[in-house]
PDB file of all heavy atoms in Angstrom:
ATOM      1  N   LYS A   1      -8.078  29.079   9.118  1.00  0.00           N
ATOM      2  CA  LYS A   1      -8.537  30.093  10.077  1.00  0.00           C
ATOM      3  C   LYS A   1      -8.662  31.455   9.410  1.00  0.00           C
ATOM      4  O   LYS A   1      -9.657  32.161   9.593  1.00  0.00           O
ATOM      5  CB  LYS A   1      -7.588  30.186  11.287  1.00  0.00           C
ATOM      6  CG  LYS A   1      -7.486  28.920  12.102  1.00  0.00           C
ATOM      7  CD  LYS A   1      -8.775  28.602  12.805  1.00  0.00           C
ATOM      8  CE  LYS A   1      -8.603  27.377  13.698  1.00  0.00           C
ATOM      9  NZ  LYS A   1      -9.873  26.929  14.250  1.00  0.00           N
ATOM     10  N   ILE A   2      -7.673  31.826   8.611  1.00  0.00           N
ATOM     11  CA  ILE A   2      -7.697  33.114   7.915  1.00  0.00           C
ATOM     12  C   ILE A   2      -8.854  33.129   6.912  1.00  0.00           C
ATOM     13  O   ILE A   2      -9.584  34.113   6.805  1.00  0.00           O
ATOM     14  CB  ILE A   2      -6.337  33.386   7.218  1.00  0.00           C
ATOM     15  CG1 ILE A   2      -5.204  33.478   8.249  1.00  0.00           C
ATOM     16  CG2 ILE A   2      -6.404  34.631   6.342  1.00  0.00           C
ATOM     17  CD1 ILE A   2      -5.306  34.588   9.273  1.00  0.00           C
ATOM     18  N   ALA A   3      -9.039  32.037   6.188  1.00  0.00           N
ATOM     19  CA  ALA A   3     -10.137  31.942   5.216  1.00  0.00           C
ATOM     20  C   ALA A   3     -11.495  32.063   5.904  1.00  0.00           C
ATOM     21  O   ALA A   3     -12.451  32.584   5.327  1.00  0.00           O
ATOM     22  CB  ALA A   3     -10.054  30.625   4.452  1.00  0.00           C
ATOM     23  N   GLY A   4     -11.567  31.607   7.150  1.00  0.00           N
ATOM     24  CA  GLY A   4     -12.810  31.675   7.909  1.00  0.00           C
ATOM     25  C   GLY A   4     -13.078  33.031   8.531  1.00  0.00           C
ATOM     26  O   GLY A   4     -14.106  33.218   9.173  1.00  0.00           O
ATOM     27  N   GLY A   5     -12.161  33.952   8.350  1.00  0.00           N
ATOM     28  CA  GLY A   5     -12.388  35.310   8.815  1.00  0.00           C
ATOM     29  C   GLY A   5     -11.644  35.710  10.070  1.00  0.00           C
ATOM     30  O   GLY A   5     -11.835  36.813  10.578  1.00  0.00           O
ATOM     31  N   MET A   6     -10.786  34.835  10.577  1.00  0.00           N
ATOM     32  CA  MET A   6     -10.032  35.182  11.781  1.00  0.00           C
ATOM     33  C   MET A   6      -8.859  36.091  11.439  1.00  0.00           C
ATOM     34  O   MET A   6      -8.253  35.959  10.374  1.00  0.00           O
ATOM     35  CB  MET A   6      -9.516  33.930  12.473  1.00  0.00           C
ATOM     36  CG  MET A   6     -10.590  33.112  13.120  1.00  0.00           C
ATOM     37  SD  MET A   6      -9.850  31.803  14.111  1.00  0.00           S
ATOM     38  CE  MET A   6     -11.324  31.091  14.795  1.00  0.00           C
ATOM     39  N   ASP A   7      -8.538  36.992  12.379  1.00  0.00           N
ATOM     40  CA  ASP A   7      -7.354  37.822  12.213  1.00  0.00           C
ATOM     41  C   ASP A   7      -6.152  37.097  12.829  1.00  0.00           C
ATOM     42  O   ASP A   7      -6.271  35.964  13.308  1.00  0.00           O
ATOM     43  CB  ASP A   7      -7.564  39.216  12.806  1.00  0.00           C
ATOM     44  CG  ASP A   7      -7.787  39.221  14.321  1.00  0.00           C
ATOM     45  OD1 ASP A   7      -7.420  38.240  15.017  1.00  0.00           O
ATOM     46  OD2 ASP A   7      -8.323  40.227  14.818  1.00  0.00           O
ATOM     47  N   THR A   8      -5.014  37.756  12.822  1.00  0.00           N
ATOM     48  CA  THR A   8      -3.787  37.140  13.322  1.00  0.00           C
ATOM     49  C   THR A   8      -3.910  36.724  14.784  1.00  0.00           C
ATOM     50  O   THR A   8      -3.564  35.595  15.147  1.00  0.00           O
ATOM     51  CB  THR A   8      -2.594  38.098  13.146  1.00  0.00           C
ATOM     52  OG1 THR A   8      -2.458  38.392  11.753  1.00  0.00           O
ATOM     53  CG2 THR A   8      -1.294  37.498  13.659  1.00  0.00           C
ATOM     54  N   ALA A   9      -4.415  37.619  15.617  1.00  0.00           N
ATOM     55  CA  ALA A   9      -4.513  37.324  17.051  1.00  0.00           C
ATOM     56  C   ALA A   9      -5.483  36.172  17.314  1.00  0.00           C
ATOM     57  O   ALA A   9      -5.181  35.275  18.120  1.00  0.00           O
ATOM     58  CB  ALA A   9      -4.950  38.569  17.813  1.00  0.00           C
ATOM     59  N   GLN A  10      -6.618  36.177  16.644  1.00  0.00           N
ATOM     60  CA  GLN A  10      -7.590  35.095  16.827  1.00  0.00           C
ATOM     61  C   GLN A  10      -7.013  33.754  16.369  1.00  0.00           C
ATOM     62  O   GLN A  10      -7.187  32.730  17.030  1.00  0.00           O
ATOM     63  CB  GLN A  10      -8.872  35.392  16.049  1.00  0.00           C
ATOM     64  CG  GLN A  10      -9.657  36.560  16.574  1.00  0.00           C
ATOM     65  CD  GLN A  10     -10.715  37.020  15.586  1.00  0.00           C
ATOM     66  OE1 GLN A  10     -10.522  36.999  14.375  1.00  0.00           O
ATOM     67  NE2 GLN A  10     -11.855  37.459  16.121  1.00  0.00           N
ATOM     68  N   THR A  11      -6.336  33.781  15.229  1.00  0.00           N
ATOM     69  CA  THR A  11      -5.728  32.560  14.693  1.00  0.00           C
ATOM     70  C   THR A  11      -4.677  32.028  15.655  1.00  0.00           C
ATOM     71  O   THR A  11      -4.650  30.832  15.955  1.00  0.00           O
ATOM     72  CB  THR A  11      -5.118  32.830  13.306  1.00  0.00           C
ATOM     73  OG1 THR A  11      -6.157  33.261  12.424  1.00  0.00           O
ATOM     74  CG2 THR A  11      -4.442  31.606  12.731  1.00  0.00           C
ATOM     75  N   ALA A  12      -3.833  32.918  16.153  1.00  0.00           N
ATOM     76  CA  ALA A  12      -2.789  32.510  17.091  1.00  0.00           C
ATOM     77  C   ALA A  12      -3.411  31.898  18.344  1.00  0.00           C
ATOM     78  O   ALA A  12      -2.972  30.839  18.811  1.00  0.00           O
ATOM     79  CB  ALA A  12      -1.909  33.707  17.456  1.00  0.00           C
ATOM     80  N   PHE A  13      -4.431  32.537  18.872  1.00  0.00           N
ATOM     81  CA  PHE A  13      -5.089  32.032  20.076  1.00  0.00           C
ATOM     82  C   PHE A  13      -5.694  30.651  19.827  1.00  0.00           C
ATOM     83  O   PHE A  13      -5.488  29.728  20.604  1.00  0.00           O
ATOM     84  CB  PHE A  13      -6.168  33.016  20.543  1.00  0.00           C
ATOM     85  CG  PHE A  13      -6.904  32.551  21.759  1.00  0.00           C
ATOM     86  CD1 PHE A  13      -6.339  32.678  23.023  1.00  0.00           C
ATOM     87  CD2 PHE A  13      -8.153  31.964  21.644  1.00  0.00           C
ATOM     88  CE1 PHE A  13      -7.006  32.234  24.154  1.00  0.00           C
ATOM     89  CE2 PHE A  13      -8.833  31.515  22.769  1.00  0.00           C
ATOM     90  CZ  PHE A  13      -8.265  31.643  24.026  1.00  0.00           C
ATOM     91  N   GLU A  14      -6.442  30.524  18.731  1.00  0.00           N
ATOM     92  CA  GLU A  14      -7.110  29.256  18.407  1.00  0.00           C
ATOM     93  C   GLU A  14      -6.117  28.108  18.210  1.00  0.00           C
ATOM     94  O   GLU A  14      -6.412  26.968  18.561  1.00  0.00           O
ATOM     95  CB  GLU A  14      -7.947  29.403  17.136  1.00  0.00           C
ATOM     96  CG  GLU A  14      -9.204  30.207  17.314  1.00  0.00           C
ATOM     97  CD  GLU A  14     -10.346  29.394  17.889  1.00  0.00           C
ATOM     98  OE1 GLU A  14     -10.488  28.212  17.520  1.00  0.00           O
ATOM     99  OE2 GLU A  14     -11.086  29.954  18.708  1.00  0.00           O
ATOM    100  N   LEU A  15      -4.974  28.419  17.620  1.00  0.00           N
ATOM    101  CA  LEU A  15      -3.990  27.375  17.314  1.00  0.00           C
ATOM    102  C   LEU A  15      -2.899  27.251  18.375  1.00  0.00           C
ATOM    103  O   LEU A  15      -1.981  26.436  18.223  1.00  0.00           O
ATOM    104  CB  LEU A  15      -3.359  27.636  15.939  1.00  0.00           C
ATOM    105  CG  LEU A  15      -4.332  27.612  14.757  1.00  0.00           C
ATOM    106  CD1 LEU A  15      -3.606  27.974  13.460  1.00  0.00           C
ATOM    107  CD2 LEU A  15      -5.008  26.249  14.637  1.00  0.00           C
ATOM    108  N   ALA A  16      -2.986  28.076  19.421  1.00  0.00           N
ATOM    109  CA  ALA A  16      -2.010  28.062  20.514  1.00  0.00           C
ATOM    110  C   ALA A  16      -0.586  28.288  20.007  1.00  0.00           C
ATOM    111  O   ALA A  16       0.352  27.562  20.362  1.00  0.00           O
ATOM    112  CB  ALA A  16      -2.113  26.774  21.325  1.00  0.00           C
ATOM    113  N   ILE A  17      -0.454  29.294  19.134  1.00  0.00           N
ATOM    114  CA  ILE A  17       0.848  29.709  18.626  1.00  0.00           C
ATOM    115  C   ILE A  17       0.939  31.224  18.786  1.00  0.00           C
ATOM    116  O   ILE A  17      -0.038  31.870  19.162  1.00  0.00           O
ATOM    117  CB  ILE A  17       1.064  29.293  17.143  1.00  0.00           C
ATOM    118  CG1 ILE A  17      -0.034  29.876  16.230  1.00  0.00           C
ATOM    119  CG2 ILE A  17       1.111  27.769  17.023  1.00  0.00           C
ATOM    120  CD1 ILE A  17       0.122  29.556  14.757  1.00  0.00           C
ATOM    121  N   THR A  18       2.079  31.791  18.492  1.00  0.00           N
ATOM    122  CA  THR A  18       2.229  33.237  18.632  1.00  0.00           C
ATOM    123  C   THR A  18       1.754  33.948  17.365  1.00  0.00           C
ATOM    124  O   THR A  18       1.772  33.353  16.267  1.00  0.00           O
ATOM    125  CB  THR A  18       3.695  33.627  18.885  1.00  0.00           C
ATOM    126  OG1 THR A  18       4.455  33.369  17.688  1.00  0.00           O
ATOM    127  CG2 THR A  18       4.285  32.883  20.069  1.00  0.00           C
ATOM    128  N   PRO A  19       1.358  35.221  17.495  1.00  0.00           N
ATOM    129  CA  PRO A  19       1.012  35.992  16.298  1.00  0.00           C
ATOM    130  C   PRO A  19       2.169  36.057  15.295  1.00  0.00           C
ATOM    131  O   PRO A  19       1.949  36.029  14.086  1.00  0.00           O
ATOM    132  CB  PRO A  19       0.668  37.384  16.853  1.00  0.00           C
ATOM    133  CG  PRO A  19       0.201  37.112  18.253  1.00  0.00           C
ATOM    134  CD  PRO A  19       1.068  35.967  18.726  1.00  0.00           C
ATOM    135  N   GLY A  20       3.399  36.107  15.808  1.00  0.00           N
ATOM    136  CA  GLY A  20       4.560  36.118  14.917  1.00  0.00           C
ATOM    137  C   GLY A  20       4.643  34.847  14.087  1.00  0.00           C
ATOM    138  O   GLY A  20       4.995  34.895  12.904  1.00  0.00           O
ATOM    139  N   THR A  21       4.309  33.722  14.697  1.00  0.00           N
ATOM    140  CA  THR A  21       4.314  32.447  13.970  1.00  0.00           C
ATOM    141  C   THR A  21       3.251  32.462  12.872  1.00  0.00           C
ATOM    142  O   THR A  21       3.496  31.978  11.763  1.00  0.00           O
ATOM    143  CB  THR A  21       4.093  31.265  14.937  1.00  0.00           C
ATOM    144  OG1 THR A  21       5.161  31.265  15.894  1.00  0.00           O
ATOM    145  CG2 THR A  21       4.070  29.939  14.206  1.00  0.00           C
ATOM    146  N   VAL A  22       2.095  33.016  13.174  1.00  0.00           N
ATOM    147  CA  VAL A  22       1.041  33.128  12.152  1.00  0.00           C
ATOM    148  C   VAL A  22       1.569  33.934  10.969  1.00  0.00           C
ATOM    149  O   VAL A  22       1.430  33.516   9.811  1.00  0.00           O
ATOM    150  CB  VAL A  22      -0.237  33.784  12.729  1.00  0.00           C
ATOM    151  CG1 VAL A  22      -1.240  34.095  11.615  1.00  0.00           C
ATOM    152  CG2 VAL A  22      -0.868  32.907  13.792  1.00  0.00           C
ATOM    153  N   ASN A  23       2.203  35.061  11.241  1.00  0.00           N
ATOM    154  CA  ASN A  23       2.711  35.910  10.161  1.00  0.00           C
ATOM    155  C   ASN A  23       3.816  35.227   9.360  1.00  0.00           C
ATOM    156  O   ASN A  23       3.866  35.353   8.131  1.00  0.00           O
ATOM    157  CB  ASN A  23       3.179  37.252  10.716  1.00  0.00           C
ATOM    158  CG  ASN A  23       2.013  38.103  11.186  1.00  0.00           C
ATOM    159  OD1 ASN A  23       0.906  38.027  10.645  1.00  0.00           O
ATOM    160  ND2 ASN A  23       2.244  38.901  12.207  1.00  0.00           N
ATOM    161  N   VAL A  24       4.680  34.495  10.041  1.00  0.00           N
ATOM    162  CA  VAL A  24       5.741  33.753   9.343  1.00  0.00           C
ATOM    163  C   VAL A  24       5.114  32.680   8.452  1.00  0.00           C
ATOM    164  O   VAL A  24       5.513  32.501   7.295  1.00  0.00           O
ATOM    165  CB  VAL A  24       6.748  33.149  10.345  1.00  0.00           C
ATOM    166  CG1 VAL A  24       7.659  32.126   9.663  1.00  0.00           C
ATOM    167  CG2 VAL A  24       7.578  34.245  10.995  1.00  0.00           C
ATOM    168  N   GLN A  25       4.114  31.966   8.985  1.00  0.00           N
ATOM    169  CA  GLN A  25       3.443  30.927   8.191  1.00  0.00           C
ATOM    170  C   GLN A  25       2.795  31.556   6.954  1.00  0.00           C
ATOM    171  O   GLN A  25       2.869  30.994   5.860  1.00  0.00           O
ATOM    172  CB  GLN A  25       2.387  30.199   9.033  1.00  0.00           C
ATOM    173  CG  GLN A  25       2.953  29.361  10.146  1.00  0.00           C
ATOM    174  CD  GLN A  25       3.627  28.081   9.660  1.00  0.00           C
ATOM    175  OE1 GLN A  25       4.015  27.936   8.508  1.00  0.00           O
ATOM    176  NE2 GLN A  25       3.771  27.136  10.560  1.00  0.00           N
ATOM    177  N   LEU A  26       2.134  32.706   7.118  1.00  0.00           N
ATOM    178  CA  LEU A  26       1.499  33.370   5.977  1.00  0.00           C
ATOM    179  C   LEU A  26       2.532  33.783   4.926  1.00  0.00           C
ATOM    180  O   LEU A  26       2.307  33.602   3.721  1.00  0.00           O
ATOM    181  CB  LEU A  26       0.683  34.583   6.444  1.00  0.00           C
ATOM    182  CG  LEU A  26      -0.618  34.236   7.162  1.00  0.00           C
ATOM    183  CD1 LEU A  26      -1.158  35.450   7.901  1.00  0.00           C
ATOM    184  CD2 LEU A  26      -1.648  33.703   6.174  1.00  0.00           C
ATOM    185  N   ALA A  27       3.646  34.322   5.373  1.00  0.00           N
ATOM    186  CA  ALA A  27       4.704  34.711   4.422  1.00  0.00           C
ATOM    187  C   ALA A  27       5.228  33.494   3.669  1.00  0.00           C
ATOM    188  O   ALA A  27       5.412  33.546   2.439  1.00  0.00           O
ATOM    189  CB  ALA A  27       5.843  35.416   5.168  1.00  0.00           C
ATOM    190  N   ASN A  28       5.429  32.395   4.378  1.00  0.00           N
ATOM    191  CA  ASN A  28       5.902  31.172   3.729  1.00  0.00           C
ATOM    192  C   ASN A  28       4.858  30.613   2.766  1.00  0.00           C
ATOM    193  O   ASN A  28       5.203  30.119   1.689  1.00  0.00           O
ATOM    194  CB  ASN A  28       6.287  30.122   4.775  1.00  0.00           C
ATOM    195  CG  ASN A  28       7.552  30.490   5.516  1.00  0.00           C
ATOM    196  OD1 ASN A  28       8.382  31.244   5.035  1.00  0.00           O
ATOM    197  ND2 ASN A  28       7.700  29.977   6.732  1.00  0.00           N
ATOM    198  N   MET A  29       3.582  30.699   3.142  1.00  0.00           N
ATOM    199  CA  MET A  29       2.517  30.237   2.240  1.00  0.00           C
ATOM    200  C   MET A  29       2.504  31.070   0.969  1.00  0.00           C
ATOM    201  O   MET A  29       2.350  30.522  -0.126  1.00  0.00           O
ATOM    202  CB  MET A  29       1.149  30.326   2.927  1.00  0.00           C
ATOM    203  CG  MET A  29       0.914  29.246   3.947  1.00  0.00           C
ATOM    204  SD  MET A  29      -0.781  29.298   4.576  1.00  0.00           S
ATOM    205  CE  MET A  29      -0.596  30.460   5.910  1.00  0.00           C
ATOM    206  N   GLY A  30       2.652  32.370   1.103  1.00  0.00           N
ATOM    207  CA  GLY A  30       2.682  33.232  -0.076  1.00  0.00           C
ATOM    208  C   GLY A  30       3.797  32.844  -1.029  1.00  0.00           C
ATOM    209  O   GLY A  30       3.595  32.769  -2.247  1.00  0.00           O
ATOM    210  N   ARG A  31       4.972  32.575  -0.471  1.00  0.00           N
ATOM    211  CA  ARG A  31       6.092  32.147  -1.320  1.00  0.00           C
ATOM    212  C   ARG A  31       5.799  30.805  -1.987  1.00  0.00           C
ATOM    213  O   ARG A  31       6.059  30.621  -3.177  1.00  0.00           O
ATOM    214  CB  ARG A  31       7.383  32.074  -0.505  1.00  0.00           C
ATOM    215  CG  ARG A  31       8.046  33.417  -0.300  1.00  0.00           C
ATOM    216  CD  ARG A  31       9.445  33.289   0.276  1.00  0.00           C
ATOM    217  NE  ARG A  31       9.448  32.851   1.662  1.00  0.00           N
ATOM    218  CZ  ARG A  31       9.213  33.633   2.708  1.00  0.00           C
ATOM    219  NH1 ARG A  31       8.944  34.904   2.517  1.00  0.00           N
ATOM    220  NH2 ARG A  31       9.242  33.156   3.934  1.00  0.00           N
ATOM    221  N   LYS A  32       5.261  29.869  -1.231  1.00  0.00           N
ATOM    222  CA  LYS A  32       4.961  28.550  -1.795  1.00  0.00           C
ATOM    223  C   LYS A  32       3.910  28.619  -2.893  1.00  0.00           C
ATOM    224  O   LYS A  32       3.980  27.882  -3.870  1.00  0.00           O
ATOM    225  CB  LYS A  32       4.470  27.601  -0.700  1.00  0.00           C
ATOM    226  CG  LYS A  32       5.554  27.043   0.171  1.00  0.00           C
ATOM    227  CD  LYS A  32       4.975  26.049   1.151  1.00  0.00           C
ATOM    228  CE  LYS A  32       6.060  25.353   1.935  1.00  0.00           C
ATOM    229  NZ  LYS A  32       5.491  24.315   2.823  1.00  0.00           N
ATOM    230  N   LEU A  33       2.920  29.488  -2.712  1.00  0.00           N
ATOM    231  CA  LEU A  33       1.819  29.582  -3.676  1.00  0.00           C
ATOM    232  C   LEU A  33       2.079  30.602  -4.783  1.00  0.00           C
ATOM    233  O   LEU A  33       1.331  30.674  -5.745  1.00  0.00           O
ATOM    234  CB  LEU A  33       0.516  29.922  -2.939  1.00  0.00           C
ATOM    235  CG  LEU A  33       0.041  28.864  -1.938  1.00  0.00           C
ATOM    236  CD1 LEU A  33      -1.093  29.414  -1.079  1.00  0.00           C
ATOM    237  CD2 LEU A  33      -0.392  27.589  -2.652  1.00  0.00           C
ATOM    238  N   GLY A  34       3.121  31.402  -4.620  1.00  0.00           N
ATOM    239  CA  GLY A  34       3.469  32.386  -5.641  1.00  0.00           C
ATOM    240  C   GLY A  34       2.554  33.590  -5.665  1.00  0.00           C
ATOM    241  O   GLY A  34       2.345  34.190  -6.718  1.00  0.00           O
ATOM    242  N   VAL A  35       2.003  33.942  -4.504  1.00  0.00           N
ATOM    243  CA  VAL A  35       1.091  35.088  -4.411  1.00  0.00           C
ATOM    244  C   VAL A  35       1.496  35.959  -3.231  1.00  0.00           C
ATOM    245  O   VAL A  35       2.304  35.567  -2.402  1.00  0.00           O
ATOM    246  CB  VAL A  35      -0.381  34.649  -4.268  1.00  0.00           C
ATOM    247  CG1 VAL A  35      -0.831  33.870  -5.501  1.00  0.00           C
ATOM    248  CG2 VAL A  35      -0.604  33.836  -3.001  1.00  0.00           C
ATOM    249  N   SER A  36       0.879  37.124  -3.145  1.00  0.00           N
ATOM    250  CA  SER A  36       1.168  38.044  -2.065  1.00  0.00           C
ATOM    251  C   SER A  36      -0.132  38.533  -1.446  1.00  0.00           C
ATOM    252  O   SER A  36      -1.058  38.903  -2.169  1.00  0.00           O
ATOM    253  CB  SER A  36       1.962  39.236  -2.612  1.00  0.00           C
ATOM    254  OG  SER A  36       2.230  40.151  -1.586  1.00  0.00           O
ATOM    255  N   GLY A  37      -0.205  38.519  -0.138  1.00  0.00           N
ATOM    256  CA  GLY A  37      -1.373  39.013   0.571  1.00  0.00           C
ATOM    257  C   GLY A  37      -2.296  37.886   1.015  1.00  0.00           C
ATOM    258  O   GLY A  37      -2.388  36.837   0.377  1.00  0.00           O
TER     259      GLY A  37
END
């Protein structure tokens, strides 16, 4: 969703999760991939 151009709110809405969950997932992805942003 993020790669497709959606922001946090759009991603949360599309996936039926909270914006906070989107941000937590992104932080965890950054750690797993060894990158930031």
